[in-house]
Amino acid sequence: MTTTAPEPIQPELALTKPTPRVDVAPLPGGPEVPASDTDADQGNRRRDPAAEAANRRHQLREVETERDTLRSQLAASRREHVEALLHADTDLRGDGAAGGVILHRPADLWEVIGVNVDDLYTGDGTLDRNAVADAIDAGIAGRAYLARASMRGVPDVPPTDPVREALERQRWSPLGHHRTPDTGTTWKGALNSNP
């Protein structure tokens, strides 16, 4: 009878145990894993690398879309904040000086002057009022029609309009009666005036 000696056990194989498969439930709101990947019959078989890469690209596009949406919402919120500040006729520089220049339409800061709203905020997300005032001052240089005088110390007087004055004078007298065109500016004078 011949006996064969048992083969020696290799130490690296003796210490390794097969790792059991752990199924992890997908996170709420996360990408859905197809049912075929979670079935027990799949065993330890790996997914196709091309399918996994496509899944990662899809996830990346979703994250980029969400990021862009949040970025545009933040910019819109910041624009509303600056426009509300300009509507409120506040002292932008905080020095208490009377006067100051505010835009007729606060939206002109973005639409006409072309200021980027992110340039008006500091790195920590607070509004830099001096940057707003500087942007307005630089934007209205040569475009005075965009500005109106601030309510602080300087009255907001619209430019004279001879046509409007003629209409108002012809329309009503101090007693509420229809005024005749013989007093004040006439239509002929309003239309022939050269402003």
C-alpha atoms as a PDB file:
ATOM      1  CA  MET A   1       0.000   0.000   0.000  1.00  0.00           C
ATOM      2  CA  THR A   2       1.355   3.225  -0.977  1.00  0.00           C
ATOM      3  CA  THR A   3       0.497   6.267   0.908  1.00  0.00           C
ATOM      4  CA  THR A   4       1.030   9.607  -0.477  1.00  0.00           C
ATOM      5  CA  ALA A   5       1.923  12.441   1.710  1.00  0.00           C
ATOM      6  CA  PRO A   6      -0.645  15.160   1.916  1.00  0.00           C
ATOM      7  CA  GLU A   7       0.201  18.253   0.000  1.00  0.00           C
ATOM      8  CA  PRO A   8       1.356  21.106   2.191  1.00  0.00           C
ATOM      9  CA  ILE A   9      -1.126  23.927   2.628  1.00  0.00           C
ATOM     10  CA  GLN A  10      -0.007  27.189   1.213  1.00  0.00           C
ATOM     11  CA  PRO A  11      -0.197  29.828   3.970  1.00  0.00           C
ATOM     12  CA  GLU A  12      -1.630  32.647   1.819  1.00  0.00           C
ATOM     13  CA  LEU A  13      -4.521  30.456   0.707  1.00  0.00           C
ATOM     14  CA  ALA A  14      -5.211  29.151   4.183  1.00  0.00           C
ATOM     15  CA  LEU A  15      -5.774  32.610   5.643  1.00  0.00           C
ATOM     16  CA  THR A  16      -8.082  33.929   2.987  1.00  0.00           C
ATOM     17  CA  LYS A  17     -11.751  33.288   3.268  1.00  0.00           C
ATOM     18  CA  PRO A  18     -14.245  33.861   0.554  1.00  0.00           C
ATOM     19  CA  THR A  19     -15.906  37.221   1.137  1.00  0.00           C
ATOM     20  CA  PRO A  20     -19.665  37.044   1.346  1.00  0.00           C
ATOM     21  CA  ARG A  21     -21.730  39.265  -0.931  1.00  0.00           C
ATOM     22  CA  VAL A  22     -23.353  42.185   0.849  1.00  0.00           C
ATOM     23  CA  ASP A  23     -26.391  43.774  -0.742  1.00  0.00           C
ATOM     24  CA  VAL A  24     -26.686  47.476  -0.041  1.00  0.00           C
ATOM     25  CA  ALA A  25     -29.997  49.242  -0.437  1.00  0.00           C
ATOM     26  CA  PRO A  26     -29.840  52.330  -2.660  1.00  0.00           C
ATOM     27  CA  LEU A  27     -29.960  55.710  -0.932  1.00  0.00           C
ATOM     28  CA  PRO A  28     -33.212  57.667  -1.156  1.00  0.00           C
ATOM     29  CA  GLY A  29     -33.001  60.125  -4.027  1.00  0.00           C
ATOM     30  CA  GLY A  30     -29.914  58.394  -5.383  1.00  0.00           C
ATOM     31  CA  PRO A  31     -29.564  56.549  -8.645  1.00  0.00           C
ATOM     32  CA  GLU A  32     -31.614  53.395  -8.925  1.00  0.00           C
ATOM     33  CA  VAL A  33     -29.773  50.136  -9.369  1.00  0.00           C
ATOM     34  CA  PRO A  34     -31.450  47.813 -11.875  1.00  0.00           C
ATOM     35  CA  ALA A  35     -33.061  44.752 -10.292  1.00  0.00           C
ATOM     36  CA  SER A  36     -30.935  42.390 -12.367  1.00  0.00           C
ATOM     37  CA  ASP A  37     -27.807  43.636 -10.560  1.00  0.00           C
ATOM     38  CA  THR A  38     -29.193  42.899  -7.107  1.00  0.00           C
ATOM     39  CA  ASP A  39     -30.556  39.420  -7.822  1.00  0.00           C
ATOM     40  CA  ALA A  40     -28.944  36.554  -5.994  1.00  0.00           C
ATOM     41  CA  ASP A  41     -28.350  34.686  -9.243  1.00  0.00           C
ATOM     42  CA  GLN A  42     -25.807  37.311 -10.267  1.00  0.00           C
ATOM     43  CA  GLY A  43     -23.452  36.139  -7.550  1.00  0.00           C
ATOM     44  CA  ASN A  44     -20.117  37.927  -7.492  1.00  0.00           C
ATOM     45  CA  ARG A  45     -20.182  38.716 -11.190  1.00  0.00           C
ATOM     46  CA  ARG A  46     -19.071  42.272 -11.939  1.00  0.00           C
ATOM     47  CA  ARG A  47     -20.954  44.815 -14.041  1.00  0.00           C
ATOM     48  CA  ASP A  48     -19.880  45.581 -17.533  1.00  0.00           C
ATOM     49  CA  PRO A  49     -17.288  48.415 -17.408  1.00  0.00           C
ATOM     50  CA  ALA A  50     -18.954  50.248 -20.297  1.00  0.00           C
ATOM     51  CA  ALA A  51     -22.328  50.163 -18.528  1.00  0.00           C
ATOM     52  CA  GLU A  52     -20.742  51.372 -15.315  1.00  0.00           C
ATOM     53  CA  ALA A  53     -19.013  54.226 -17.156  1.00  0.00           C
ATOM     54  CA  ALA A  54     -22.315  55.181 -18.804  1.00  0.00           C
ATOM     55  CA  ASN A  55     -23.982  55.165 -15.391  1.00  0.00           C
ATOM     56  CA  ARG A  56     -21.259  57.439 -13.991  1.00  0.00           C
ATOM     57  CA  ARG A  57     -21.620  59.837 -16.938  1.00  0.00           C
ATOM     58  CA  HIS A  58     -25.371  59.944 -16.372  1.00  0.00           C
ATOM     59  CA  GLN A  59     -24.861  60.677 -12.658  1.00  0.00           C
ATOM     60  CA  LEU A  60     -22.332  63.373 -13.532  1.00  0.00           C
ATOM     61  CA  ARG A  61     -24.784  65.072 -15.906  1.00  0.00           C
ATOM     62  CA  GLU A  62     -27.484  65.024 -13.213  1.00  0.00           C
ATOM     63  CA  VAL A  63     -25.126  66.580 -10.663  1.00  0.00           C
ATOM     64  CA  GLU A  64     -23.986  69.231 -13.157  1.00  0.00           C
ATOM     65  CA  THR A  65     -27.610  70.104 -13.971  1.00  0.00           C
ATOM     66  CA  GLU A  66     -28.426  70.420 -10.279  1.00  0.00           C
ATOM     67  CA  ARG A  67     -25.325  72.560  -9.720  1.00  0.00           C
ATOM     68  CA  ASP A  68     -26.241  74.881 -12.599  1.00  0.00           C
ATOM     69  CA  THR A  69     -29.811  75.198 -11.295  1.00  0.00           C
ATOM     70  CA  LEU A  70     -28.588  76.094  -7.813  1.00  0.00           C
ATOM     71  CA  ARG A  71     -26.068  78.549  -9.243  1.00  0.00           C
ATOM     72  CA  SER A  72     -28.767  80.358 -11.259  1.00  0.00           C
ATOM     73  CA  GLN A  73     -31.100  80.433  -8.238  1.00  0.00           C
ATOM     74  CA  LEU A  74     -28.337  81.960  -6.120  1.00  0.00           C
ATOM     75  CA  ALA A  75     -27.581  84.594  -8.773  1.00  0.00           C
ATOM     76  CA  ALA A  76     -31.291  85.484  -9.050  1.00  0.00           C
ATOM     77  CA  SER A  77     -31.561  85.778  -5.279  1.00  0.00           C
ATOM     78  CA  ARG A  78     -28.488  87.999  -5.147  1.00  0.00           C
ATOM     79  CA  ARG A  79     -29.858  90.227  -7.948  1.00  0.00           C
ATOM     80  CA  GLU A  80     -33.151  90.596  -6.060  1.00  0.00           C
ATOM     81  CA  HIS A  81     -31.237  91.542  -2.911  1.00  0.00           C
ATOM     82  CA  VAL A  82     -29.247  94.265  -4.687  1.00  0.00           C
ATOM     83  CA  GLU A  83     -32.341  95.565  -6.509  1.00  0.00           C
ATOM     84  CA  ALA A  84     -34.281  95.751  -3.225  1.00  0.00           C
ATOM     85  CA  LEU A  85     -31.386  97.686  -1.729  1.00  0.00           C
ATOM     86  CA  LEU A  86     -31.456 100.132  -4.647  1.00  0.00           C
ATOM     87  CA  HIS A  87     -35.254 100.509  -4.434  1.00  0.00           C
ATOM     88  CA  ALA A  88     -34.985 101.330  -0.728  1.00  0.00           C
ATOM     89  CA  ASP A  89     -32.861 104.423  -1.412  1.00  0.00           C
ATOM     90  CA  THR A  90     -30.196 103.492   1.111  1.00  0.00           C
ATOM     91  CA  ASP A  91     -26.829 105.049   1.749  1.00  0.00           C
ATOM     92  CA  LEU A  92     -24.695 102.531  -0.126  1.00  0.00           C
ATOM     93  CA  ARG A  93     -21.305 103.658   1.102  1.00  0.00           C
ATOM     94  CA  GLY A  94     -22.458 103.983   4.698  1.00  0.00           C
ATOM     95  CA  ASP A  95     -20.766 107.336   5.179  1.00  0.00           C
ATOM     96  CA  GLY A  96     -24.008 109.233   5.805  1.00  0.00           C
ATOM     97  CA  ALA A  97     -23.338 111.657   2.981  1.00  0.00           C
ATOM     98  CA  ALA A  98     -26.398 113.287   1.528  1.00  0.00           C
ATOM     99  CA  GLY A  99     -27.148 112.692  -2.082  1.00  0.00           C
ATOM    100  CA  GLY A 100     -25.831 109.722  -3.906  1.00  0.00           C
ATOM    101  CA  VAL A 101     -26.884 108.232  -7.163  1.00  0.00           C
ATOM    102  CA  ILE A 102     -29.475 105.531  -7.592  1.00  0.00           C
ATOM    103  CA  LEU A 103     -30.671 104.036 -10.855  1.00  0.00           C
ATOM    104  CA  HIS A 104     -34.162 104.705 -12.214  1.00  0.00           C
ATOM    105  CA  ARG A 105     -34.488 100.975 -12.811  1.00  0.00           C
ATOM    106  CA  PRO A 106     -32.294  98.838 -10.559  1.00  0.00           C
ATOM    107  CA  ALA A 107     -32.369  96.080 -13.198  1.00  0.00           C
ATOM    108  CA  ASP A 108     -30.329  98.416 -15.432  1.00  0.00           C
ATOM    109  CA  LEU A 109     -27.334  97.439 -13.325  1.00  0.00           C
ATOM    110  CA  TRP A 110     -27.413  94.001 -15.030  1.00  0.00           C
ATOM    111  CA  GLU A 111     -29.229  94.717 -18.281  1.00  0.00           C
ATOM    112  CA  VAL A 112     -27.627  97.983 -19.427  1.00  0.00           C
ATOM    113  CA  ILE A 113     -24.443  98.453 -17.430  1.00  0.00           C
ATOM    114  CA  GLY A 114     -23.606  94.737 -17.582  1.00  0.00           C
ATOM    115  CA  VAL A 115     -22.421  94.176 -14.020  1.00  0.00           C
ATOM    116  CA  ASN A 116     -21.931  90.564 -12.923  1.00  0.00           C
ATOM    117  CA  VAL A 117     -23.762  90.042  -9.634  1.00  0.00           C
ATOM    118  CA  ASP A 118     -20.969  87.832  -8.282  1.00  0.00           C
ATOM    119  CA  ASP A 119     -18.569  90.794  -8.511  1.00  0.00           C
ATOM    120  CA  LEU A 120     -20.667  92.653  -5.925  1.00  0.00           C
ATOM    121  CA  TYR A 121     -20.259  89.994  -3.237  1.00  0.00           C
ATOM    122  CA  THR A 122     -17.214  89.162  -1.145  1.00  0.00           C
ATOM    123  CA  GLY A 123     -15.678  85.717  -0.886  1.00  0.00           C
ATOM    124  CA  ASP A 124     -17.726  84.887   2.204  1.00  0.00           C
ATOM    125  CA  GLY A 125     -21.008  85.785   0.458  1.00  0.00           C
ATOM    126  CA  THR A 126     -21.745  89.218   1.941  1.00  0.00           C
ATOM    127  CA  LEU A 127     -22.760  92.156  -0.193  1.00  0.00           C
ATOM    128  CA  ASP A 128     -20.039  94.751  -0.716  1.00  0.00           C
ATOM    129  CA  ARG A 129     -21.980  98.040  -0.766  1.00  0.00           C
ATOM    130  CA  ASN A 130     -18.946  99.987  -1.919  1.00  0.00           C
ATOM    131  CA  ALA A 131     -18.660  97.681  -4.927  1.00  0.00           C
ATOM    132  CA  VAL A 132     -22.337  98.364  -5.733  1.00  0.00           C
ATOM    133  CA  ALA A 133     -21.802 102.130  -5.473  1.00  0.00           C
ATOM    134  CA  ASP A 134     -18.619 101.936  -7.567  1.00  0.00           C
ATOM    135  CA  ALA A 135     -20.391  99.862 -10.234  1.00  0.00           C
ATOM    136  CA  ILE A 136     -23.234 102.390 -10.411  1.00  0.00           C
ATOM    137  CA  ASP A 137     -20.834 105.336 -10.577  1.00  0.00           C
ATOM    138  CA  ALA A 138     -18.807 103.687 -13.341  1.00  0.00           C
ATOM    139  CA  GLY A 139     -21.931 102.616 -15.218  1.00  0.00           C
ATOM    140  CA  ILE A 140     -23.623 106.001 -15.318  1.00  0.00           C
ATOM    141  CA  ALA A 141     -20.526 107.839 -16.490  1.00  0.00           C
ATOM    142  CA  GLY A 142     -21.659 109.207 -19.825  1.00  0.00           C
ATOM    143  CA  ARG A 143     -25.154 107.779 -19.325  1.00  0.00           C
ATOM    144  CA  ALA A 144     -26.766 110.202 -16.912  1.00  0.00           C
ATOM    145  CA  TYR A 145     -30.223 109.192 -18.127  1.00  0.00           C
ATOM    146  CA  LEU A 146     -29.875 105.948 -16.136  1.00  0.00           C
ATOM    147  CA  ALA A 147     -29.552 107.747 -12.811  1.00  0.00           C
ATOM    148  CA  ARG A 148     -31.961 109.523 -10.576  1.00  0.00           C
ATOM    149  CA  ALA A 149     -30.977 111.661  -7.647  1.00  0.00           C
ATOM    150  CA  SER A 150     -31.276 110.051  -4.255  1.00  0.00           C
ATOM    151  CA  MET A 151     -34.083 111.122  -1.964  1.00  0.00           C
ATOM    152  CA  ARG A 152     -31.518 112.106   0.668  1.00  0.00           C
ATOM    153  CA  GLY A 153     -31.196 115.843   0.431  1.00  0.00           C
ATOM    154  CA  VAL A 154     -31.654 116.056  -3.324  1.00  0.00           C
ATOM    155  CA  PRO A 155     -35.191 116.065  -4.681  1.00  0.00           C
ATOM    156  CA  ASP A 156     -35.988 113.744  -7.551  1.00  0.00           C
ATOM    157  CA  VAL A 157     -37.188 116.290 -10.108  1.00  0.00           C
ATOM    158  CA  PRO A 158     -38.062 114.956 -13.523  1.00  0.00           C
ATOM    159  CA  PRO A 159     -36.794 116.931 -16.497  1.00  0.00           C
ATOM    160  CA  THR A 160     -39.186 119.527 -17.825  1.00  0.00           C
ATOM    161  CA  ASP A 161     -41.407 118.346 -20.612  1.00  0.00           C
ATOM    162  CA  PRO A 162     -43.155 121.170 -22.480  1.00  0.00           C
ATOM    163  CA  VAL A 163     -45.710 118.816 -24.029  1.00  0.00           C
ATOM    164  CA  ARG A 164     -46.726 117.386 -20.664  1.00  0.00           C
ATOM    165  CA  GLU A 165     -46.913 120.858 -19.132  1.00  0.00           C
ATOM    166  CA  ALA A 166     -49.153 122.027 -21.978  1.00  0.00           C
ATOM    167  CA  LEU A 167     -51.429 119.039 -21.511  1.00  0.00           C
ATOM    168  CA  GLU A 168     -51.745 119.577 -17.778  1.00  0.00           C
ATOM    169  CA  ARG A 169     -52.397 123.290 -18.110  1.00  0.00           C
ATOM    170  CA  GLN A 170     -55.029 122.795 -20.766  1.00  0.00           C
ATOM    171  CA  ARG A 171     -56.721 120.029 -18.899  1.00  0.00           C
ATOM    172  CA  TRP A 172     -57.626 121.572 -15.550  1.00  0.00           C
ATOM    173  CA  SER A 173     -57.869 124.929 -13.932  1.00  0.00           C
ATOM    174  CA  PRO A 174     -57.318 125.413 -10.189  1.00  0.00           C
ATOM    175  CA  LEU A 175     -61.096 125.153  -9.654  1.00  0.00           C
ATOM    176  CA  GLY A 176     -61.420 121.928 -11.621  1.00  0.00           C
ATOM    177  CA  HIS A 177     -62.838 123.549 -14.755  1.00  0.00           C
ATOM    178  CA  HIS A 178     -61.459 122.973 -18.195  1.00  0.00           C
ATOM    179  CA  ARG A 179     -58.758 125.534 -18.848  1.00  0.00           C
ATOM    180  CA  THR A 180     -58.557 127.395 -22.117  1.00  0.00           C
ATOM    181  CA  PRO A 181     -55.292 127.262 -24.070  1.00  0.00           C
ATOM    182  CA  ASP A 182     -54.739 131.025 -23.849  1.00  0.00           C
ATOM    183  CA  THR A 183     -52.689 130.776 -20.609  1.00  0.00           C
ATOM    184  CA  GLY A 184     -49.433 128.923 -20.083  1.00  0.00           C
ATOM    185  CA  THR A 185     -47.720 126.895 -22.767  1.00  0.00           C
ATOM    186  CA  THR A 186     -49.772 126.303 -25.884  1.00  0.00           C
ATOM    187  CA  TRP A 187     -49.626 123.330 -28.212  1.00  0.00           C
ATOM    188  CA  LYS A 188     -47.962 125.481 -30.800  1.00  0.00           C
ATOM    189  CA  GLY A 189     -45.328 126.602 -28.302  1.00  0.00           C
ATOM    190  CA  ALA A 190     -44.796 123.056 -27.001  1.00  0.00           C
ATOM    191  CA  LEU A 191     -44.367 121.537 -30.443  1.00  0.00           C
ATOM    192  CA  ASN A 192     -42.145 124.312 -31.743  1.00  0.00           C
ATOM    193  CA  SER A 193     -39.832 124.383 -28.724  1.00  0.00           C
ATOM    194  CA  ASN A 194     -36.352 123.000 -29.195  1.00  0.00           C
ATOM    195  CA  PRO A 195     -35.266 121.257 -25.999  1.00  0.00           C
END
